[in-house]
C-alpha atoms as a PDB file:
ATOM      1  CA  MET A   1      -0.497  33.806  14.129  1.00  0.00           C
ATOM      2  CA  SER A   2      -1.015  29.924  14.636  1.00  0.00           C
ATOM      3  CA  THR A   3       1.291  28.560  16.926  1.00  0.00           C
ATOM      4  CA  LEU A   4       0.331  25.200  15.606  1.00  0.00           C
ATOM      5  CA  PRO A   5       3.332  22.932  13.936  1.00  0.00           C
ATOM      6  CA  THR A   6       3.096  23.344  10.363  1.00  0.00           C
ATOM      7  CA  VAL A   7       2.964  20.410   7.381  1.00  0.00           C
ATOM      8  CA  LEU A   8       3.233  20.844   4.159  1.00  0.00           C
ATOM      9  CA  VAL A   9       0.980  17.802   2.512  1.00  0.00           C
ATOM     10  CA  LEU A  10       2.113  16.590  -0.958  1.00  0.00           C
ATOM     11  CA  GLY A  11      -0.481  15.045  -3.581  1.00  0.00           C
ATOM     12  CA  GLY A  12      -0.710  14.181  -7.590  1.00  0.00           C
ATOM     13  CA  GLY A  13       2.562  13.621  -8.725  1.00  0.00           C
ATOM     14  CA  PRO A  14       3.380  11.592 -12.268  1.00  0.00           C
ATOM     15  CA  ASP A  15       2.154   8.272 -11.563  1.00  0.00           C
ATOM     16  CA  ALA A  16      -1.253   6.409 -12.435  1.00  0.00           C
ATOM     17  CA  GLU A  17      -2.413   6.498  -9.187  1.00  0.00           C
ATOM     18  CA  ARG A  18      -2.567   9.998  -9.197  1.00  0.00           C
ATOM     19  CA  GLU A  19      -6.227  10.688  -9.085  1.00  0.00           C
ATOM     20  CA  VAL A  20      -6.590   8.717  -6.192  1.00  0.00           C
ATOM     21  CA  SER A  21      -3.498  10.408  -4.221  1.00  0.00           C
ATOM     22  CA  ILE A  22      -4.974  13.947  -4.334  1.00  0.00           C
ATOM     23  CA  LYS A  23      -8.453  11.990  -2.750  1.00  0.00           C
ATOM     24  CA  SER A  24      -5.971  10.652  -0.177  1.00  0.00           C
ATOM     25  CA  SER A  25      -4.230  14.499   0.251  1.00  0.00           C
ATOM     26  CA  THR A  26      -7.120  15.935   0.357  1.00  0.00           C
ATOM     27  CA  ALA A  27      -7.990  13.983   3.241  1.00  0.00           C
ATOM     28  CA  ILE A  28      -5.166  14.170   5.258  1.00  0.00           C
ATOM     29  CA  ALA A  29      -4.695  18.029   5.107  1.00  0.00           C
ATOM     30  CA  ALA A  30      -8.840  18.159   6.142  1.00  0.00           C
ATOM     31  CA  GLY A  31      -7.861  15.471   9.258  1.00  0.00           C
ATOM     32  CA  LEU A  32      -4.752  17.312  10.274  1.00  0.00           C
ATOM     33  CA  ASN A  33      -6.605  20.537  10.577  1.00  0.00           C
ATOM     34  CA  ALA A  34      -9.431  19.055  11.871  1.00  0.00           C
ATOM     35  CA  SER A  35      -7.269  17.606  14.907  1.00  0.00           C
ATOM     36  CA  GLY A  36      -6.339  20.971  16.203  1.00  0.00           C
ATOM     37  CA  ARG A  37      -3.152  19.877  16.884  1.00  0.00           C
ATOM     38  CA  PHE A  38      -1.690  20.868  13.204  1.00  0.00           C
ATOM     39  CA  ALA A  39      -1.404  23.832  10.307  1.00  0.00           C
ATOM     40  CA  ALA A  40      -1.711  22.033   7.692  1.00  0.00           C
ATOM     41  CA  ARG A  41      -1.528  22.834   3.735  1.00  0.00           C
ATOM     42  CA  LEU A  42      -1.481  20.785  -0.083  1.00  0.00           C
ATOM     43  CA  GLU A  43       0.323  21.077  -2.670  1.00  0.00           C
ATOM     44  CA  ILE A  44      -0.394  18.954  -5.299  1.00  0.00           C
ATOM     45  CA  ILE A  45       2.768  18.322  -7.738  1.00  0.00           C
ATOM     46  CA  ASP A  46       2.861  18.175 -10.859  1.00  0.00           C
ATOM     47  CA  THR A  47       6.510  17.788 -11.920  1.00  0.00           C
ATOM     48  CA  VAL A  48       9.384  15.623 -10.104  1.00  0.00           C
ATOM     49  CA  ASP A  49      12.215  18.126  -9.722  1.00  0.00           C
ATOM     50  CA  GLY A  50      11.518  19.100  -6.892  1.00  0.00           C
ATOM     51  CA  ALA A  51      10.795  22.655  -7.290  1.00  0.00           C
ATOM     52  CA  TRP A  52       7.458  22.823  -4.956  1.00  0.00           C
ATOM     53  CA  LEU A  53      10.035  22.097  -1.963  1.00  0.00           C
ATOM     54  CA  LYS A  54      11.693  25.664  -2.657  1.00  0.00           C
ATOM     55  CA  ASP A  55      10.726  28.110  -0.046  1.00  0.00           C
ATOM     56  CA  GLN A  56       8.252  26.197   1.207  1.00  0.00           C
ATOM     57  CA  ALA A  57       8.296  26.649   5.087  1.00  0.00           C
ATOM     58  CA  ALA A  58       6.743  23.939   6.738  1.00  0.00           C
ATOM     59  CA  ASP A  59       7.706  21.954  10.223  1.00  0.00           C
ATOM     60  CA  LEU A  60       6.745  18.667   8.407  1.00  0.00           C
ATOM     61  CA  ILE A  61       6.466  17.526   4.954  1.00  0.00           C
ATOM     62  CA  PHE A  62       3.482  14.920   4.838  1.00  0.00           C
ATOM     63  CA  PRO A  63       4.102  13.108   1.710  1.00  0.00           C
ATOM     64  CA  TYR A  64       0.862  11.123  -0.154  1.00  0.00           C
ATOM     65  CA  LEU A  65       1.664  10.408  -3.933  1.00  0.00           C
ATOM     66  CA  HIS A  66       0.832   6.538  -4.695  1.00  0.00           C
ATOM     67  CA  GLY A  67       2.975   4.909  -7.235  1.00  0.00           C
ATOM     68  CA  PRO A  68       6.401   4.151  -8.651  1.00  0.00           C
ATOM     69  CA  TRP A  69       7.507   7.534  -7.924  1.00  0.00           C
ATOM     70  CA  GLY A  70       5.747   8.767  -5.063  1.00  0.00           C
ATOM     71  CA  GLU A  71       6.231   6.034  -2.808  1.00  0.00           C
ATOM     72  CA  GLY A  72       9.440   3.269  -4.572  1.00  0.00           C
ATOM     73  CA  GLY A  73      12.052   6.071  -3.659  1.00  0.00           C
ATOM     74  CA  PRO A  74      12.219   8.943  -5.543  1.00  0.00           C
ATOM     75  CA  LEU A  75      10.231  11.636  -3.776  1.00  0.00           C
ATOM     76  CA  GLN A  76      11.990  10.264  -0.857  1.00  0.00           C
ATOM     77  CA  ASP A  77      14.997  11.127  -1.945  1.00  0.00           C
ATOM     78  CA  ILE A  78      14.062  14.604  -2.466  1.00  0.00           C
ATOM     79  CA  LEU A  79      13.113  14.907   0.850  1.00  0.00           C
ATOM     80  CA  GLU A  80      15.522  13.367   2.735  1.00  0.00           C
ATOM     81  CA  ARG A  81      17.899  16.294   0.409  1.00  0.00           C
ATOM     82  CA  ASP A  82      15.188  18.512   1.822  1.00  0.00           C
ATOM     83  CA  GLY A  83      16.519  17.295   5.421  1.00  0.00           C
ATOM     84  CA  ARG A  84      12.945  17.919   7.450  1.00  0.00           C
ATOM     85  CA  PRO A  85      11.186  15.794   9.029  1.00  0.00           C
ATOM     86  CA  TYR A  86       8.482  13.663   6.832  1.00  0.00           C
ATOM     87  CA  VAL A  87       6.495  10.913   7.379  1.00  0.00           C
ATOM     88  CA  GLY A  88       6.259   7.387   5.503  1.00  0.00           C
ATOM     89  CA  THR A  89       9.260   5.458   5.171  1.00  0.00           C
ATOM     90  CA  ASP A  90      12.867   6.873   4.187  1.00  0.00           C
ATOM     91  CA  ALA A  91      14.100   5.790   0.364  1.00  0.00           C
ATOM     92  CA  ARG A  92      15.676   2.343   0.712  1.00  0.00           C
ATOM     93  CA  GLY A  93      12.548   0.629   2.445  1.00  0.00           C
ATOM     94  CA  ALA A  94      10.326   2.696   0.205  1.00  0.00           C
ATOM     95  CA  ARG A  95      12.306   0.413  -2.756  1.00  0.00           C
ATOM     96  CA  THR A  96      12.256  -2.444  -1.345  1.00  0.00           C
ATOM     97  CA  ALA A  97       8.827  -2.215  -0.283  1.00  0.00           C
ATOM     98  CA  MET A  98       7.475  -0.893  -3.913  1.00  0.00           C
ATOM     99  CA  ASP A  99       8.997  -4.061  -5.494  1.00  0.00           C
ATOM    100  CA  LYS A 100       6.784  -6.960  -5.180  1.00  0.00           C
ATOM    101  CA  ILE A 101       9.496 -10.001  -5.977  1.00  0.00           C
ATOM    102  CA  ALA A 102      11.847  -8.190  -3.304  1.00  0.00           C
ATOM    103  CA  SER A 103       9.096  -7.799  -1.086  1.00  0.00           C
ATOM    104  CA  LYS A 104       8.454 -11.795  -1.235  1.00  0.00           C
ATOM    105  CA  PHE A 105      12.025 -12.627  -0.761  1.00  0.00           C
ATOM    106  CA  PHE A 106      12.122 -10.697   2.912  1.00  0.00           C
ATOM    107  CA  ALA A 107       8.522 -12.600   3.720  1.00  0.00           C
ATOM    108  CA  ALA A 108      10.381 -16.149   2.665  1.00  0.00           C
ATOM    109  CA  GLU A 109      13.216 -14.619   4.323  1.00  0.00           C
ATOM    110  CA  ILE A 110      11.849 -14.212   7.580  1.00  0.00           C
ATOM    111  CA  GLY A 111       9.436 -17.625   7.842  1.00  0.00           C
ATOM    112  CA  VAL A 112       6.287 -16.111   6.268  1.00  0.00           C
ATOM    113  CA  PRO A 113       4.793 -18.121   3.497  1.00  0.00           C
ATOM    114  CA  THR A 114       4.280 -16.398   0.198  1.00  0.00           C
ATOM    115  CA  ALA A 115       3.691 -17.573  -3.502  1.00  0.00           C
ATOM    116  CA  PRO A 116       5.884 -18.203  -5.743  1.00  0.00           C
ATOM    117  CA  ALA A 117       6.413 -15.905  -8.644  1.00  0.00           C
ATOM    118  CA  TRP A 118       8.606 -15.068 -11.784  1.00  0.00           C
ATOM    119  CA  MET A 119       9.667 -11.912 -13.859  1.00  0.00           C
ATOM    120  CA  LEU A 120       7.731 -12.159 -17.515  1.00  0.00           C
ATOM    121  CA  ASN A 121       9.996 -12.328 -20.147  1.00  0.00           C
ATOM    122  CA  LEU A 122       8.296 -10.974 -23.203  1.00  0.00           C
ATOM    123  CA  ARG A 123      11.243 -12.269 -25.228  1.00  0.00           C
ATOM    124  CA  ASP A 124      10.454 -15.803 -24.549  1.00  0.00           C
ATOM    125  CA  PRO A 125       6.530 -15.641 -22.407  1.00  0.00           C
ATOM    126  CA  VAL A 126       5.814 -18.721 -21.672  1.00  0.00           C
ATOM    127  CA  CYS A 127       4.163 -19.935 -18.547  1.00  0.00           C
ATOM    128  CA  PRO A 128       6.168 -21.511 -15.692  1.00  0.00           C
ATOM    129  CA  THR A 129       3.705 -22.991 -13.085  1.00  0.00           C
ATOM    130  CA  LYS A 130       0.076 -24.024 -13.756  1.00  0.00           C
ATOM    131  CA  LEU A 131      -2.993 -22.338 -14.846  1.00  0.00           C
ATOM    132  CA  PRO A 132      -4.627 -20.165 -13.415  1.00  0.00           C
ATOM    133  CA  VAL A 133      -2.190 -17.482 -13.049  1.00  0.00           C
ATOM    134  CA  ILE A 134      -2.066 -14.199 -12.130  1.00  0.00           C
ATOM    135  CA  ILE A 135       0.250 -11.444 -13.825  1.00  0.00           C
ATOM    136  CA  LYS A 136       0.873  -7.824 -12.776  1.00  0.00           C
ATOM    137  CA  PRO A 137       3.204  -5.460 -12.817  1.00  0.00           C
ATOM    138  CA  VAL A 138       6.223  -5.453 -10.331  1.00  0.00           C
ATOM    139  CA  HIS A 139       5.560  -1.466  -9.200  1.00  0.00           C
ATOM    140  CA  GLU A 140       2.418  -0.596  -9.045  1.00  0.00           C
ATOM    141  CA  GLY A 141      -0.900  -0.230  -6.791  1.00  0.00           C
ATOM    142  CA  SER A 142      -4.626  -0.728  -6.687  1.00  0.00           C
ATOM    143  CA  THR A 143      -4.278  -3.684  -9.208  1.00  0.00           C
ATOM    144  CA  ILE A 144      -3.158  -1.492 -12.326  1.00  0.00           C
ATOM    145  CA  GLY A 145      -2.060  -3.653 -15.106  1.00  0.00           C
ATOM    146  CA  LEU A 146      -3.170  -7.164 -13.197  1.00  0.00           C
ATOM    147  CA  HIS A 147      -4.962  -9.874 -15.444  1.00  0.00           C
ATOM    148  CA  VAL A 148      -6.058 -13.074 -14.160  1.00  0.00           C
ATOM    149  CA  CYS A 149      -4.969 -16.021 -16.221  1.00  0.00           C
ATOM    150  CA  THR A 150      -7.287 -19.057 -16.142  1.00  0.00           C
ATOM    151  CA  SER A 151      -6.784 -20.074 -19.733  1.00  0.00           C
ATOM    152  CA  ARG A 152      -3.401 -20.375 -22.278  1.00  0.00           C
ATOM    153  CA  GLY A 153      -6.018 -18.478 -24.540  1.00  0.00           C
ATOM    154  CA  GLU A 154      -6.243 -15.658 -21.026  1.00  0.00           C
ATOM    155  CA  PHE A 155      -2.826 -15.606 -20.956  1.00  0.00           C
ATOM    156  CA  THR A 156      -1.612 -15.188 -24.171  1.00  0.00           C
ATOM    157  CA  ARG A 157      -4.137 -11.886 -24.438  1.00  0.00           C
ATOM    158  CA  ALA A 158      -2.536 -10.766 -21.421  1.00  0.00           C
ATOM    159  CA  VAL A 159       0.825 -11.005 -22.783  1.00  0.00           C
ATOM    160  CA  GLU A 160      -0.570  -9.346 -26.177  1.00  0.00           C
ATOM    161  CA  ALA A 161      -1.755  -6.229 -23.903  1.00  0.00           C
ATOM    162  CA  ILE A 162       1.682  -6.135 -22.194  1.00  0.00           C
ATOM    163  CA  GLU A 163       3.695  -6.427 -25.358  1.00  0.00           C
ATOM    164  CA  LYS A 164       1.558  -3.068 -27.066  1.00  0.00           C
ATOM    165  CA  GLU A 165       1.502  -1.112 -23.285  1.00  0.00           C
ATOM    166  CA  THR A 166       5.762  -1.414 -23.398  1.00  0.00           C
ATOM    167  CA  ARG A 167       5.748  -0.447 -26.891  1.00  0.00           C
ATOM    168  CA  GLU A 168       3.273   2.787 -26.399  1.00  0.00           C
ATOM    169  CA  ARG A 169       5.587   3.431 -23.671  1.00  0.00           C
ATOM    170  CA  LEU A 170       8.705   3.273 -25.544  1.00  0.00           C
ATOM    171  CA  GLN A 171       7.624   5.166 -28.041  1.00  0.00           C
ATOM    172  CA  GLN A 172       6.577   8.006 -24.923  1.00  0.00           C
ATOM    173  CA  GLY A 173      10.183   7.628 -24.117  1.00  0.00           C
ATOM    174  CA  LEU A 174       9.088   5.985 -21.228  1.00  0.00           C
ATOM    175  CA  SER A 175      10.412   2.615 -19.621  1.00  0.00           C
ATOM    176  CA  PRO A 176       8.410  -0.646 -19.826  1.00  0.00           C
ATOM    177  CA  ARG A 177       6.982  -1.791 -16.744  1.00  0.00           C
ATOM    178  CA  PRO A 178       8.015  -4.872 -15.539  1.00  0.00           C
ATOM    179  CA  TYR A 179       5.681  -8.284 -14.976  1.00  0.00           C
ATOM    180  CA  MET A 180       5.099 -10.538 -12.589  1.00  0.00           C
ATOM    181  CA  ILE A 181       3.987 -14.493 -12.782  1.00  0.00           C
ATOM    182  CA  GLU A 182       2.287 -15.835  -9.592  1.00  0.00           C
ATOM    183  CA  PRO A 183       0.096 -18.747  -9.028  1.00  0.00           C
ATOM    184  CA  LYS A 184      -3.572 -17.956  -8.516  1.00  0.00           C
ATOM    185  CA  ILE A 185      -3.855 -18.731  -4.614  1.00  0.00           C
ATOM    186  CA  GLY A 186      -7.065 -20.817  -4.453  1.00  0.00           C
ATOM    187  CA  GLY A 187      -7.088 -21.866  -8.082  1.00  0.00           C
ATOM    188  CA  ASP A 188     -10.148 -21.486  -9.082  1.00  0.00           C
ATOM    189  CA  THR A 189     -12.045 -21.206  -6.066  1.00  0.00           C
ATOM    190  CA  ARG A 190     -12.143 -17.271  -3.952  1.00  0.00           C
ATOM    191  CA  ALA A 191      -9.271 -17.379  -1.656  1.00  0.00           C
ATOM    192  CA  ARG A 192     -10.351 -14.704   1.037  1.00  0.00           C
ATOM    193  CA  GLU A 193      -8.753 -11.518   1.001  1.00  0.00           C
ATOM    194  CA  LEU A 194      -6.938 -10.344   4.048  1.00  0.00           C
ATOM    195  CA  THR A 195      -5.268  -6.528   5.081  1.00  0.00           C
ATOM    196  CA  VAL A 196      -4.001  -5.460   7.956  1.00  0.00           C
ATOM    197  CA  GLY A 197      -2.559  -1.614   9.097  1.00  0.00           C
ATOM    198  CA  ILE A 198       0.462  -1.058  10.937  1.00  0.00           C
ATOM    199  CA  VAL A 199       0.205   2.583  12.870  1.00  0.00           C
ATOM    200  CA  GLY A 200       3.839   2.919  14.404  1.00  0.00           C
ATOM    201  CA  LYS A 201       4.941  -0.209  14.822  1.00  0.00           C
ATOM    202  CA  SER A 202       0.753  -1.493  16.736  1.00  0.00           C
ATOM    203  CA  ALA A 203      -0.911  -3.333  14.451  1.00  0.00           C
ATOM    204  CA  LEU A 204      -4.699  -2.369  13.266  1.00  0.00           C
ATOM    205  CA  PRO A 205      -7.769  -4.135  13.433  1.00  0.00           C
ATOM    206  CA  VAL A 206      -7.769  -7.211  11.198  1.00  0.00           C
ATOM    207  CA  ILE A 207     -10.192  -6.311   7.403  1.00  0.00           C
ATOM    208  CA  GLU A 208     -11.607  -9.194   5.193  1.00  0.00           C
ATOM    209  CA  ILE A 209     -12.260  -7.987   1.959  1.00  0.00           C
ATOM    210  CA  ALA A 210     -15.390  -8.734   0.227  1.00  0.00           C
ATOM    211  CA  PRO A 211     -15.818  -7.488  -3.324  1.00  0.00           C
ATOM    212  CA  LYS A 212     -18.654  -8.455  -5.083  1.00  0.00           C
ATOM    213  CA  ASP A 213     -17.392  -9.676  -8.720  1.00  0.00           C
ATOM    214  CA  GLY A 214     -14.295 -11.928  -6.646  1.00  0.00           C
ATOM    215  CA  LEU A 215     -11.693  -9.086  -7.758  1.00  0.00           C
ATOM    216  CA  TYR A 216     -10.946  -6.239  -5.706  1.00  0.00           C
ATOM    217  CA  ASP A 217      -9.689  -3.897  -8.817  1.00  0.00           C
ATOM    218  CA  TYR A 218      -9.904  -0.574  -9.131  1.00  0.00           C
ATOM    219  CA  GLN A 219     -13.210  -0.039  -9.701  1.00  0.00           C
ATOM    220  CA  ALA A 220     -13.961  -1.750  -6.225  1.00  0.00           C
ATOM    221  CA  LYS A 221     -11.129   0.268  -4.382  1.00  0.00           C
ATOM    222  CA  TYR A 222     -12.076   3.533  -4.784  1.00  0.00           C
ATOM    223  CA  ILE A 223     -15.567   3.940  -7.610  1.00  0.00           C
ATOM    224  CA  ARG A 224     -17.734   1.756  -6.313  1.00  0.00           C
ATOM    225  CA  ASP A 225     -19.618   0.788  -3.043  1.00  0.00           C
ATOM    226  CA  ASP A 226     -20.625  -2.900  -3.251  1.00  0.00           C
ATOM    227  CA  THR A 227     -17.655  -4.149  -1.855  1.00  0.00           C
ATOM    228  CA  ARG A 228     -18.209  -5.668   1.974  1.00  0.00           C
ATOM    229  CA  TYR A 229     -15.995  -5.055   3.809  1.00  0.00           C
ATOM    230  CA  LEU A 230     -16.043  -7.303   7.325  1.00  0.00           C
ATOM    231  CA  VAL A 231     -13.884  -5.587  10.441  1.00  0.00           C
ATOM    232  CA  GLU A 232     -12.331  -7.708  13.456  1.00  0.00           C
ATOM    233  CA  GLY A 233     -14.452  -7.308  16.429  1.00  0.00           C
ATOM    234  CA  GLN A 234     -17.139  -5.895  14.276  1.00  0.00           C
ATOM    235  CA  ASP A 235     -18.557  -8.692  11.889  1.00  0.00           C
ATOM    236  CA  LEU A 236     -15.203 -10.501  10.379  1.00  0.00           C
ATOM    237  CA  ASP A 237     -15.786 -14.394  11.039  1.00  0.00           C
ATOM    238  CA  LEU A 238     -12.137 -15.534  11.344  1.00  0.00           C
ATOM    239  CA  PRO A 239     -10.407 -17.704  13.802  1.00  0.00           C
ATOM    240  CA  GLU A 240      -8.355 -16.101  16.948  1.00  0.00           C
ATOM    241  CA  PRO A 241      -5.205 -18.047  15.967  1.00  0.00           C
ATOM    242  CA  VAL A 242      -5.143 -16.427  11.868  1.00  0.00           C
ATOM    243  CA  ILE A 243      -6.097 -13.111  13.302  1.00  0.00           C
ATOM    244  CA  LYS A 244      -2.733 -13.140  15.606  1.00  0.00           C
ATOM    245  CA  LYS A 245      -0.790 -14.433  12.772  1.00  0.00           C
ATOM    246  CA  VAL A 246      -1.709 -12.034   9.858  1.00  0.00           C
ATOM    247  CA  LYS A 247      -0.521  -9.400  12.743  1.00  0.00           C
ATOM    248  CA  LYS A 248       2.548 -11.167  13.915  1.00  0.00           C
ATOM    249  CA  HIS A 249       3.423 -11.809   9.793  1.00  0.00           C
ATOM    250  CA  THR A 250       2.816  -7.778   8.952  1.00  0.00           C
ATOM    251  CA  GLN A 251       4.775  -6.529  12.346  1.00  0.00           C
ATOM    252  CA  ARG A 252       7.870  -8.917  11.420  1.00  0.00           C
ATOM    253  CA  LEU A 253       8.156  -7.673   7.659  1.00  0.00           C
ATOM    254  CA  PHE A 254       7.543  -4.022   8.651  1.00  0.00           C
ATOM    255  CA  LYS A 255      10.817  -4.463  11.424  1.00  0.00           C
ATOM    256  CA  ALA A 256      12.295  -6.483   9.113  1.00  0.00           C
ATOM    257  CA  MET A 257      12.065  -4.066   5.921  1.00  0.00           C
ATOM    258  CA  GLY A 258      12.632  -1.266   7.847  1.00  0.00           C
ATOM    259  CA  LEU A 259       9.403   0.591   7.375  1.00  0.00           C
ATOM    260  CA  ARG A 260       8.347   3.339   9.716  1.00  0.00           C
ATOM    261  CA  HIS A 261       4.595   5.158  10.485  1.00  0.00           C
ATOM    262  CA  VAL A 262       2.465   3.708   8.680  1.00  0.00           C
ATOM    263  CA  ALA A 263       1.943   0.477   6.099  1.00  0.00           C
ATOM    264  CA  ARG A 264      -0.553  -1.896   5.170  1.00  0.00           C
ATOM    265  CA  ALA A 265      -0.378  -5.752   4.156  1.00  0.00           C
ATOM    266  CA  ASP A 266      -2.436  -8.039   1.829  1.00  0.00           C
ATOM    267  CA  TYR A 267      -3.186 -11.920   2.162  1.00  0.00           C
ATOM    268  CA  LEU A 268      -4.427 -14.926   0.801  1.00  0.00           C
ATOM    269  CA  LEU A 269      -6.227 -17.146   2.990  1.00  0.00           C
ATOM    270  CA  ASP A 270      -6.923 -20.795   0.855  1.00  0.00           C
ATOM    271  CA  ARG A 271      -9.532 -22.851   1.740  1.00  0.00           C
ATOM    272  CA  ASP A 272      -6.955 -25.044   3.570  1.00  0.00           C
ATOM    273  CA  GLY A 273      -6.484 -22.217   5.772  1.00  0.00           C
ATOM    274  CA  ALA A 274      -2.775 -21.678   4.480  1.00  0.00           C
ATOM    275  CA  LEU A 275      -2.308 -17.725   5.003  1.00  0.00           C
ATOM    276  CA  TRP A 276      -0.376 -16.184   1.519  1.00  0.00           C
ATOM    277  CA  PHE A 277       1.533 -12.989   2.063  1.00  0.00           C
ATOM    278  CA  LEU A 278       0.663 -10.613  -0.895  1.00  0.00           C
ATOM    279  CA  GLU A 279       2.340  -7.901  -0.491  1.00  0.00           C
ATOM    280  CA  ILE A 280       3.001  -4.262   1.588  1.00  0.00           C
ATOM    281  CA  ASN A 281       1.968  -1.313   1.222  1.00  0.00           C
ATOM    282  CA  THR A 282       3.753   1.831   2.829  1.00  0.00           C
ATOM    283  CA  THR A 283       1.187   4.237   0.934  1.00  0.00           C
ATOM    284  CA  PRO A 284      -1.868   3.084   1.718  1.00  0.00           C
ATOM    285  CA  GLY A 285      -4.601   4.554   0.229  1.00  0.00           C
ATOM    286  CA  PHE A 286      -6.429   7.350   2.995  1.00  0.00           C
ATOM    287  CA  THR A 287      -9.961   8.104   0.625  1.00  0.00           C
ATOM    288  CA  ASP A 288     -13.603   7.549   2.274  1.00  0.00           C
ATOM    289  CA  HIS A 289     -13.678   3.948   0.728  1.00  0.00           C
ATOM    290  CA  SER A 290      -9.360   3.044   2.505  1.00  0.00           C
ATOM    291  CA  LEU A 291      -8.448   0.225   4.923  1.00  0.00           C
ATOM    292  CA  VAL A 292      -6.506   1.884   7.566  1.00  0.00           C
ATOM    293  CA  PRO A 293      -8.867   4.707   8.147  1.00  0.00           C
ATOM    294  CA  LYS A 294     -11.597   2.222   7.887  1.00  0.00           C
ATOM    295  CA  ALA A 295      -9.760  -0.445  10.859  1.00  0.00           C
ATOM    296  CA  ALA A 296      -8.486   2.940  12.567  1.00  0.00           C
ATOM    297  CA  ALA A 297     -12.052   3.814  12.623  1.00  0.00           C
ATOM    298  CA  ALA A 298     -13.543   0.614  14.107  1.00  0.00           C
ATOM    299  CA  MET A 299     -11.292   0.803  17.583  1.00  0.00           C
ATOM    300  CA  GLY A 300     -12.213   5.086  17.442  1.00  0.00           C
ATOM    301  CA  LEU A 301      -9.391   6.094  16.287  1.00  0.00           C
ATOM    302  CA  ALA A 302     -10.844   8.767  14.107  1.00  0.00           C
ATOM    303  CA  MET A 303      -9.066  10.476  11.130  1.00  0.00           C
ATOM    304  CA  PRO A 304      -8.162  13.674  12.551  1.00  0.00           C
ATOM    305  CA  ASP A 305      -6.505  11.901  15.265  1.00  0.00           C
ATOM    306  CA  LEU A 306      -5.079   8.795  12.617  1.00  0.00           C
ATOM    307  CA  CYS A 307      -3.545  11.808  10.623  1.00  0.00           C
ATOM    308  CA  ALA A 308      -2.648  13.570  13.884  1.00  0.00           C
ATOM    309  CA  LYS A 309      -0.892  10.539  15.395  1.00  0.00           C
ATOM    310  CA  LEU A 310       1.295   9.654  11.721  1.00  0.00           C
ATOM    311  CA  ALA A 311       2.566  13.784  12.148  1.00  0.00           C
ATOM    312  CA  GLU A 312       3.130  13.042  15.524  1.00  0.00           C
ATOM    313  CA  LEU A 313       5.261   9.639  15.252  1.00  0.00           C
ATOM    314  CA  ALA A 314       7.322  11.853  12.317  1.00  0.00           C
ATOM    315  CA  LEU A 315       7.708  14.840  14.978  1.00  0.00           C
ATOM    316  CA  GLY A 316       8.707  12.395  17.405  1.00  0.00           C
ATOM    317  CA  LEU A 317       6.112  13.780  19.587  1.00  0.00           C
ATOM    318  CA  VAL A 318       4.364   9.824  20.596  1.00  0.00           C
ATOM    319  CA  PRO A 319       6.162   6.723  20.403  1.00  0.00           C
ATOM    320  CA  ALA A 320       6.184   3.902  17.881  1.00  0.00           C
ATOM    321  CA  GLY A 321       4.050   1.839  20.237  1.00  0.00           C
ATOM    322  CA  ALA A 322       3.570  -1.962  20.099  1.00  0.00           C
ATOM    323  CA  ALA A 323       5.952  -4.694  20.398  1.00  0.00           C
ATOM    324  CA  GLU A 324       5.215  -7.480  17.753  1.00  0.00           C
ATOM    325  CA  GLY A 325       2.021  -9.092  18.239  1.00  0.00           C
ATOM    326  CA  GLU A 326       0.413  -6.080  20.324  1.00  0.00           C
ATOM    327  CA  THR A 327      -2.580  -3.976  18.745  1.00  0.00           C
ATOM    328  CA  ILE A 328      -2.971  -0.421  19.452  1.00  0.00           C
ATOM    329  CA  GLY A 329      -4.376   0.057  22.626  1.00  0.00           C
ATOM    330  CA  GLU A 330      -2.701  -2.959  24.309  1.00  0.00           C
ATOM    331  CA  GLY A 331      -0.244  -3.370  26.870  1.00  0.00           C
END
């Protein structure tokens, strides 16, 4: 009989990113087992009642569900009632991070630059700022439901699509998804997309995302192979002060929002060299296309060791790590 700590990895769930969650959780379970430090098994969840935890013996729960229910607080509430340690941010931090408007308030409070944002009011759907703008759900990831509006006609069509979606959700007995409007950073030009992961409290290498068609949407993230990823220490051409700033901003946000174990923050760098915070993700993708595993691999932390490190952080077997401004391997 194995004496290794046992881990129950959760995937699936009711959210729009269910299939991505299944891919991520499958990769995590395989990584934990390959590490030789844990005995993991995978449970794909289809219900939201928590019945899948009943009679499930495990030393640690490793939830990896993407979307509002899985990473936005409801699942974390269930896990906290269960009482066993689990990987990832607690329910309070998860709710804050999942809410893009709340995340922007946190960023502004601690001096991290972020663009203004407005809630979309479907009763009076006016554009509150000059075009181009982005309209997107407040509580979704993977650019699900995102609309880029460069003209009044595109804005009107986006609103009509959201109104149609709202009617359909109400007919299905679902709550409407709130949407937000924000200016498109860079205007008519394409800003550079930067992302940085956190493991423990330490920053991973910065990655620039360069999608072939200019939009890093669901297809570019998970399906196609034509997006270029430029990694710090390899092929990323970015001034050192910008690299340090994006890491420091992310670590400050991670601390201020009370997050733990793992996260990834996304930014835009405009043509004037200004850095703008977009959002922070407490359950970043863990597929072979995903950014946190790519960044960890770039510094020699292979997938099995990355998964094992997160499990060890949740069990308190290793310290959380770096002070603000440090990266893994420093100091």
